[in-house]
Amino acid sequence: MDPELEAFIPLFPRADLTDPVTERKNFADLAAKLPPPDTAHMEIEDRTVPFPELSASFEQGRPHSPDVAVRIYRPHQAQGAIIWLHGGGFVMGDLDTEHPWATRLAALSGAVVISVGYRLAPEQRFPAALDDTYAVLTWTAEHAAELGIDPERIAVGGHSAGGGLAAAVALRARDEQGPPIRYQLLNQPGLDDRQETWSARHFTETPWMNRDKVTAIWRHYLGSAPATPYAAPARATDLSALPPAYIATAELCPNRDEDIAYALRLLEAGVSVELHQWPGTFHGSQAILSAEVSQRQIAELAAALRRALAE
């Protein structure tokens, strides 16, 4: 492990999701300890996105969602945008816990960042978070002129569970011929509920994320329902015609091998992919901002997005 990261391991909470309510509070407390980001060079606005009528393939008698909370970060002279999904295992996280990361991503990439406060499991299981995300994607495309962005320059992305949601919404947009997505920015995404890869089976004591926590994540998210590709994108059999992707993995992360396998399958399906495996890191370790490797990780995420939206 990178020695700059290893020194902070005693300060990280134990990897546990047995009590979602308690862990949400712990996650919020951890996020609140991060240094406040510089917001001087952007406008930040909280809004709600009205939930549209579900498409026929997604109705299936489900109740109507409430409006979706978003926080919009607008750097000066931004043209492109990214629908950004926070991490937290589908169980934790909100607009406030993601604020430091959304701010940095907007500042470093120059893109409008639309951070999504999607509904959380286990109270609202799949497909609630996906429905919320797809509603925000649709709304962003329809209101591009109002938002001051090019509707052809809209990306999706996220950390961890948020990265899995971003991959899922890209699949759904392709299948339903929804709004065009320019790029996928997937940071350590959770893509596969089966936990059959080497890293998923063997990383039982890694910091912040380990096999038991991943098991709990999928149990909270899916309940007793079978997983579909829209819940676990690694289950998709056809990855063709998806947007180009940047995929980042952490060496000591259970998600590592499923993410690398997904990147290779995208390449085999003719999708352009940039894949970066960060040595010596663990899941979520980029929260340790003082580490040189964390600074490089954050800078590269933003640079990949900037390139994708400028091309």
Protein backbone atom coordinates (compact mmCIF):
# COMPACT_ATOMS: atom_id res chain seq x y z
CA MET A 1 0.00 0.00 0.00
CA ASP A 2 1.09 3.55 -0.66
CA PRO A 3 2.73 4.68 2.62
CA GLU A 4 1.00 8.07 2.52
CA LEU A 5 -2.36 6.28 2.50
CA GLU A 6 -1.43 3.57 4.99
CA ALA A 7 -0.78 6.13 7.71
CA PHE A 8 -4.45 7.17 7.62
CA ILE A 9 -6.04 3.72 7.83
CA PRO A 10 -6.67 3.92 11.62
CA LEU A 11 -8.79 7.02 10.98
CA PHE A 12 -11.10 5.33 8.46
CA PRO A 13 -14.33 3.81 9.81
CA ARG A 14 -14.61 0.03 9.71
CA ALA A 15 -16.19 -1.42 6.60
CA ASP A 16 -19.72 -2.13 7.73
CA LEU A 17 -23.29 -1.63 6.48
CA THR A 18 -25.30 -3.73 8.91
CA ASP A 19 -27.08 -0.62 10.25
CA PRO A 20 -27.73 1.74 7.31
CA VAL A 21 -29.07 4.62 9.41
CA THR A 22 -26.03 4.68 11.70
CA GLU A 23 -23.63 4.29 8.80
CA ARG A 24 -25.23 7.21 6.95
CA LYS A 25 -24.47 9.42 9.93
CA ASN A 26 -20.91 8.11 10.15
CA PHE A 27 -20.43 8.71 6.42
CA ALA A 28 -21.74 12.27 6.74
CA ASP A 29 -19.45 12.92 9.69
CA LEU A 30 -16.47 11.64 7.71
CA ALA A 31 -17.31 13.85 4.73
CA ALA A 32 -17.70 16.87 7.00
CA LYS A 33 -14.08 16.50 8.13
CA LEU A 34 -12.75 17.13 4.62
CA PRO A 35 -11.27 20.56 3.94
CA PRO A 36 -13.92 22.89 2.48
CA PRO A 37 -13.51 23.30 -1.29
CA ASP A 38 -12.98 26.63 -3.03
CA THR A 39 -16.27 27.71 -4.61
CA ALA A 40 -15.22 31.25 -5.54
CA HIS A 41 -15.11 30.66 -9.30
CA MET A 42 -18.46 28.99 -9.85
CA GLU A 43 -22.16 29.35 -9.25
CA ILE A 44 -23.88 26.69 -7.12
CA GLU A 45 -27.64 26.19 -7.20
CA ASP A 46 -29.95 23.67 -5.53
CA ARG A 47 -32.95 22.64 -7.62
CA THR A 48 -35.50 19.87 -7.90
CA VAL A 49 -36.08 17.94 -11.10
CA PRO A 50 -39.70 16.90 -11.74
CA PHE A 51 -40.08 13.20 -12.23
CA PRO A 52 -41.45 12.39 -15.71
CA GLU A 53 -43.85 9.66 -16.67
CA LEU A 54 -41.98 6.37 -16.76
CA SER A 55 -41.47 4.74 -20.11
CA ALA A 56 -43.69 1.74 -20.82
CA SER A 57 -40.85 -0.70 -20.21
CA PHE A 58 -40.27 0.73 -16.75
CA GLU A 59 -43.81 1.34 -15.47
CA GLN A 60 -44.82 -2.12 -14.25
CA GLY A 61 -47.12 -0.66 -11.61
CA ARG A 62 -44.39 1.15 -9.69
CA PRO A 63 -45.43 4.22 -7.68
CA HIS A 64 -44.52 7.64 -8.98
CA SER A 65 -41.26 9.05 -7.63
CA PRO A 66 -41.09 12.41 -5.86
CA ASP A 67 -39.05 15.14 -7.50
CA VAL A 68 -35.31 14.56 -7.52
CA ALA A 69 -32.99 16.96 -5.69
CA VAL A 70 -29.93 18.14 -7.61
CA ARG A 71 -27.10 20.57 -6.92
CA ILE A 72 -25.71 22.31 -9.99
CA TYR A 73 -22.12 23.59 -10.12
CA ARG A 74 -21.48 26.06 -12.94
CA PRO A 75 -17.88 27.12 -13.64
CA HIS A 76 -17.56 30.23 -15.75
CA GLN A 77 -17.80 29.62 -19.53
CA ALA A 78 -18.69 25.93 -19.16
CA GLN A 79 -20.26 24.27 -22.20
CA GLY A 80 -20.49 20.60 -21.33
CA ALA A 81 -22.02 18.89 -18.32
CA ILE A 82 -21.85 15.68 -16.35
CA ILE A 83 -24.63 13.96 -14.41
CA TRP A 84 -22.67 13.01 -11.30
CA LEU A 85 -23.64 10.19 -8.90
CA HIS A 86 -22.24 9.98 -5.38
CA GLY A 87 -20.85 6.86 -3.79
CA GLY A 88 -22.02 5.18 -0.61
CA GLY A 89 -23.05 1.67 -1.60
CA PHE A 90 -26.54 2.77 -2.76
CA VAL A 91 -27.22 3.20 0.98
CA MET A 92 -25.27 6.28 2.11
CA GLY A 93 -24.44 9.70 0.73
CA ASP A 94 -26.30 12.79 -0.42
CA LEU A 95 -25.71 16.18 -2.02
CA ASP A 96 -23.84 17.42 1.06
CA THR A 97 -21.45 14.48 1.39
CA GLU A 98 -20.66 14.78 -2.33
CA HIS A 99 -20.20 18.55 -2.22
CA PRO A 100 -16.38 18.52 -1.85
CA TRP A 101 -15.97 16.13 -4.78
CA ALA A 102 -18.52 17.75 -7.09
CA THR A 103 -16.92 21.14 -6.48
CA ARG A 104 -13.43 19.88 -7.27
CA LEU A 105 -14.62 18.06 -10.38
CA ALA A 106 -16.33 21.20 -11.69
CA ALA A 107 -13.35 23.41 -10.91
CA LEU A 108 -10.73 21.11 -12.44
CA SER A 109 -12.71 19.98 -15.50
CA GLY A 110 -14.52 23.21 -16.35
CA ALA A 111 -17.75 21.23 -16.80
CA VAL A 112 -21.14 21.89 -15.28
CA VAL A 113 -21.59 19.21 -12.62
CA ILE A 114 -25.15 18.16 -11.82
CA SER A 115 -24.93 16.20 -8.58
CA VAL A 116 -27.93 13.93 -8.02
CA GLY A 117 -29.59 13.25 -4.66
CA TYR A 118 -31.01 9.88 -5.70
CA ARG A 119 -33.13 7.75 -3.36
CA LEU A 120 -31.31 5.32 -1.10
CA ALA A 121 -31.69 1.64 -0.26
CA PRO A 122 -32.90 -0.33 1.58
CA GLU A 123 -35.91 1.98 2.01
CA GLN A 124 -35.98 2.57 -1.76
CA ARG A 125 -34.43 -0.38 -3.55
CA PHE A 126 -33.58 -0.82 -7.23
CA PRO A 127 -34.74 0.67 -9.55
CA ALA A 128 -35.45 3.86 -7.54
CA ALA A 129 -31.93 5.30 -7.84
CA LEU A 130 -31.77 4.44 -11.54
CA ASP A 131 -35.18 6.03 -12.19
CA ASP A 132 -34.04 9.20 -10.41
CA THR A 133 -30.82 9.33 -12.40
CA TYR A 134 -32.55 8.77 -15.72
CA ALA A 135 -35.05 11.51 -14.88
CA VAL A 136 -32.17 13.94 -14.29
CA LEU A 137 -30.45 12.92 -17.52
CA THR A 138 -33.67 13.51 -19.48
CA TRP A 139 -34.31 16.83 -17.75
CA THR A 140 -30.76 18.02 -18.41
CA ALA A 141 -31.02 17.25 -22.11
CA GLU A 142 -34.41 18.97 -22.37
CA HIS A 143 -33.22 22.07 -20.45
CA ALA A 144 -29.76 22.34 -21.99
CA ALA A 145 -30.40 25.84 -23.35
CA GLU A 146 -31.60 27.06 -19.94
CA LEU A 147 -28.56 25.48 -18.29
CA GLY A 148 -26.24 27.03 -20.85
CA ILE A 149 -24.79 23.74 -22.06
CA ASP A 150 -24.48 21.90 -25.35
CA PRO A 151 -26.99 19.00 -25.37
CA GLU A 152 -24.44 16.96 -27.34
CA ARG A 153 -21.89 17.34 -24.53
CA ILE A 154 -23.55 15.57 -21.60
CA ALA A 155 -21.62 12.88 -19.73
CA VAL A 156 -22.53 10.57 -16.86
CA GLY A 157 -20.24 9.50 -14.07
CA GLY A 158 -19.76 8.68 -10.43
CA HIS A 159 -17.82 7.04 -7.63
CA SER A 160 -18.34 3.44 -6.49
CA ALA A 161 -22.11 2.76 -6.42
CA GLY A 162 -22.51 6.03 -8.32
CA GLY A 163 -20.20 4.70 -11.02
CA GLY A 164 -22.37 1.61 -11.28
CA LEU A 165 -25.45 3.81 -11.63
CA ALA A 166 -23.73 5.83 -14.36
CA ALA A 167 -22.94 2.65 -16.30
CA ALA A 168 -26.53 1.47 -15.84
CA VAL A 169 -28.05 4.73 -17.06
CA ALA A 170 -25.82 4.56 -20.15
CA LEU A 171 -27.22 1.08 -20.88
CA ARG A 172 -30.79 2.27 -20.37
CA ALA A 173 -30.34 5.37 -22.52
CA ARG A 174 -28.96 3.18 -25.32
CA ASP A 175 -31.78 0.65 -25.04
CA GLU A 176 -34.57 3.24 -24.85
CA GLN A 177 -33.00 5.57 -27.41
CA GLY A 178 -32.89 8.23 -24.73
CA PRO A 179 -30.76 11.36 -24.53
CA PRO A 180 -27.32 10.98 -26.16
CA ILE A 181 -24.52 10.49 -23.63
CA ARG A 182 -21.10 11.78 -24.61
CA TYR A 183 -18.95 9.92 -22.07
CA GLN A 184 -18.89 7.63 -19.03
CA LEU A 185 -16.59 8.62 -16.13
CA LEU A 186 -16.52 5.57 -13.86
CA ASN A 187 -14.39 5.70 -10.72
CA GLN A 188 -14.10 2.34 -8.92
CA PRO A 189 -17.66 1.46 -10.01
CA GLY A 190 -19.75 -1.27 -8.43
CA LEU A 191 -20.83 -3.32 -11.44
CA ASP A 192 -21.32 -6.96 -10.46
CA ASP A 193 -23.42 -8.46 -7.66
CA ARG A 194 -22.04 -11.97 -8.22
CA GLN A 195 -18.67 -11.38 -6.48
CA GLU A 196 -16.97 -14.09 -8.50
CA THR A 197 -13.74 -12.29 -9.45
CA TRP A 198 -10.41 -12.85 -7.70
CA SER A 199 -10.45 -9.45 -5.99
CA ALA A 200 -14.08 -9.81 -4.87
CA ARG A 201 -13.37 -13.22 -3.34
CA HIS A 202 -10.03 -12.46 -1.69
CA PHE A 203 -10.22 -8.88 -0.39
CA THR A 204 -11.84 -9.64 2.96
CA GLU A 205 -9.83 -7.25 5.15
CA THR A 206 -9.16 -4.27 2.86
CA PRO A 207 -9.88 -0.80 4.26
CA TRP A 208 -13.30 0.83 3.83
CA MET A 209 -14.55 -1.75 1.31
CA ASN A 210 -14.28 -5.52 1.63
CA ARG A 211 -16.17 -8.65 0.63
CA ASP A 212 -18.65 -8.54 3.52
CA LYS A 213 -19.51 -4.90 2.89
CA VAL A 214 -20.02 -5.53 -0.83
CA THR A 215 -22.36 -8.41 0.06
CA ALA A 216 -24.36 -6.09 2.32
CA ILE A 217 -24.49 -3.41 -0.39
CA TRP A 218 -26.10 -5.68 -2.94
CA ARG A 219 -28.48 -7.16 -0.36
CA HIS A 220 -29.70 -3.68 0.60
CA TYR A 221 -29.98 -2.55 -3.03
CA LEU A 222 -31.66 -5.62 -4.54
CA GLY A 223 -33.51 -7.19 -1.63
CA SER A 224 -34.83 -10.54 -2.84
CA ALA A 225 -35.18 -9.41 -6.46
CA PRO A 226 -32.91 -10.97 -9.09
CA ALA A 227 -30.23 -8.69 -10.51
CA THR A 228 -30.65 -7.35 -14.03
CA PRO A 229 -28.08 -5.49 -16.18
CA TYR A 230 -29.70 -2.21 -15.12
CA ALA A 231 -28.86 -3.06 -11.50
CA ALA A 232 -25.51 -4.77 -12.12
CA PRO A 233 -24.16 -3.64 -15.52
CA ALA A 234 -21.58 -6.46 -15.64
CA ARG A 235 -24.53 -8.78 -16.30
CA ALA A 236 -25.25 -7.07 -19.64
CA THR A 237 -24.52 -9.38 -22.55
CA ASP A 238 -24.31 -6.60 -25.16
CA LEU A 239 -22.02 -3.63 -24.47
CA SER A 240 -21.95 -2.31 -28.02
CA ALA A 241 -22.95 1.24 -28.97
CA LEU A 242 -22.23 2.61 -25.51
CA PRO A 243 -20.45 5.93 -24.88
CA PRO A 244 -16.66 6.01 -24.57
CA ALA A 245 -15.50 5.45 -21.01
CA TYR A 246 -12.81 6.27 -18.49
CA ILE A 247 -12.59 3.57 -15.82
CA ALA A 248 -10.37 3.92 -12.75
CA THR A 249 -9.66 1.10 -10.31
CA ALA A 250 -7.93 0.86 -6.94
CA GLU A 251 -5.45 -1.96 -6.45
CA LEU A 252 -6.78 -3.04 -3.05
CA CYS A 253 -10.49 -2.88 -3.89
CA PRO A 254 -12.98 -5.74 -4.26
CA ASN A 255 -14.39 -4.02 -7.36
CA ARG A 256 -11.01 -3.98 -9.10
CA ASP A 257 -11.26 -7.07 -11.28
CA GLU A 258 -14.92 -6.62 -12.29
CA ASP A 259 -14.06 -3.08 -13.41
CA ILE A 260 -11.07 -4.23 -15.45
CA ALA A 261 -13.18 -7.02 -16.99
CA TYR A 262 -15.91 -4.51 -17.89
CA ALA A 263 -13.35 -2.25 -19.53
CA LEU A 264 -12.03 -5.15 -21.62
CA ARG A 265 -15.54 -6.19 -22.62
CA LEU A 266 -16.31 -2.61 -23.69
CA LEU A 267 -13.18 -2.65 -25.84
CA GLU A 268 -14.19 -5.98 -27.38
CA ALA A 269 -17.60 -4.44 -28.17
CA GLY A 270 -15.94 -1.58 -30.04
CA VAL A 271 -16.24 1.06 -27.31
CA SER A 272 -13.25 3.32 -26.72
CA VAL A 273 -11.93 2.99 -23.15
CA GLU A 274 -9.25 4.62 -21.03
CA LEU A 275 -8.41 2.33 -18.09
CA HIS A 276 -6.22 3.33 -15.17
CA GLN A 277 -5.35 0.94 -12.34
CA TRP A 278 -3.92 2.96 -9.43
CA PRO A 279 -1.24 0.97 -7.55
CA GLY A 280 -1.08 1.08 -3.78
CA THR A 281 -4.57 2.55 -3.37
CA PHE A 282 -7.75 1.25 -1.76
CA HIS A 283 -11.42 1.95 -2.37
CA GLY A 284 -12.16 5.57 -1.52
CA SER A 285 -8.58 6.37 -0.53
CA GLN A 286 -8.59 9.50 -2.68
CA ALA A 287 -10.44 11.13 0.22
CA ILE A 288 -6.95 11.37 1.75
CA LEU A 289 -6.24 14.59 -0.10
CA SER A 290 -2.74 15.06 1.29
CA ALA A 291 -1.46 11.94 -0.51
CA GLU A 292 0.26 12.59 -3.82
CA VAL A 293 -1.48 9.64 -5.47
CA SER A 294 -4.90 11.01 -4.44
CA GLN A 295 -4.10 14.36 -6.00
CA ARG A 296 -3.15 12.60 -9.24
CA GLN A 297 -6.31 10.50 -9.19
CA ILE A 298 -8.59 13.53 -8.81
CA ALA A 299 -6.69 15.56 -11.40
CA GLU A 300 -6.87 12.74 -13.95
CA LEU A 301 -10.60 12.19 -13.50
CA ALA A 302 -11.15 15.87 -14.22
CA ALA A 303 -8.71 15.90 -17.14
CA ALA A 304 -10.41 12.89 -18.76
CA LEU A 305 -13.78 14.64 -18.49
CA ARG A 306 -12.39 17.90 -19.85
CA ARG A 307 -10.92 16.11 -22.87
CA ALA A 308 -14.10 14.16 -23.54
CA LEU A 309 -16.35 17.21 -23.49
CA ALA A 310 -13.97 19.32 -25.57
CA GLU A 311 -13.50 16.86 -28.43
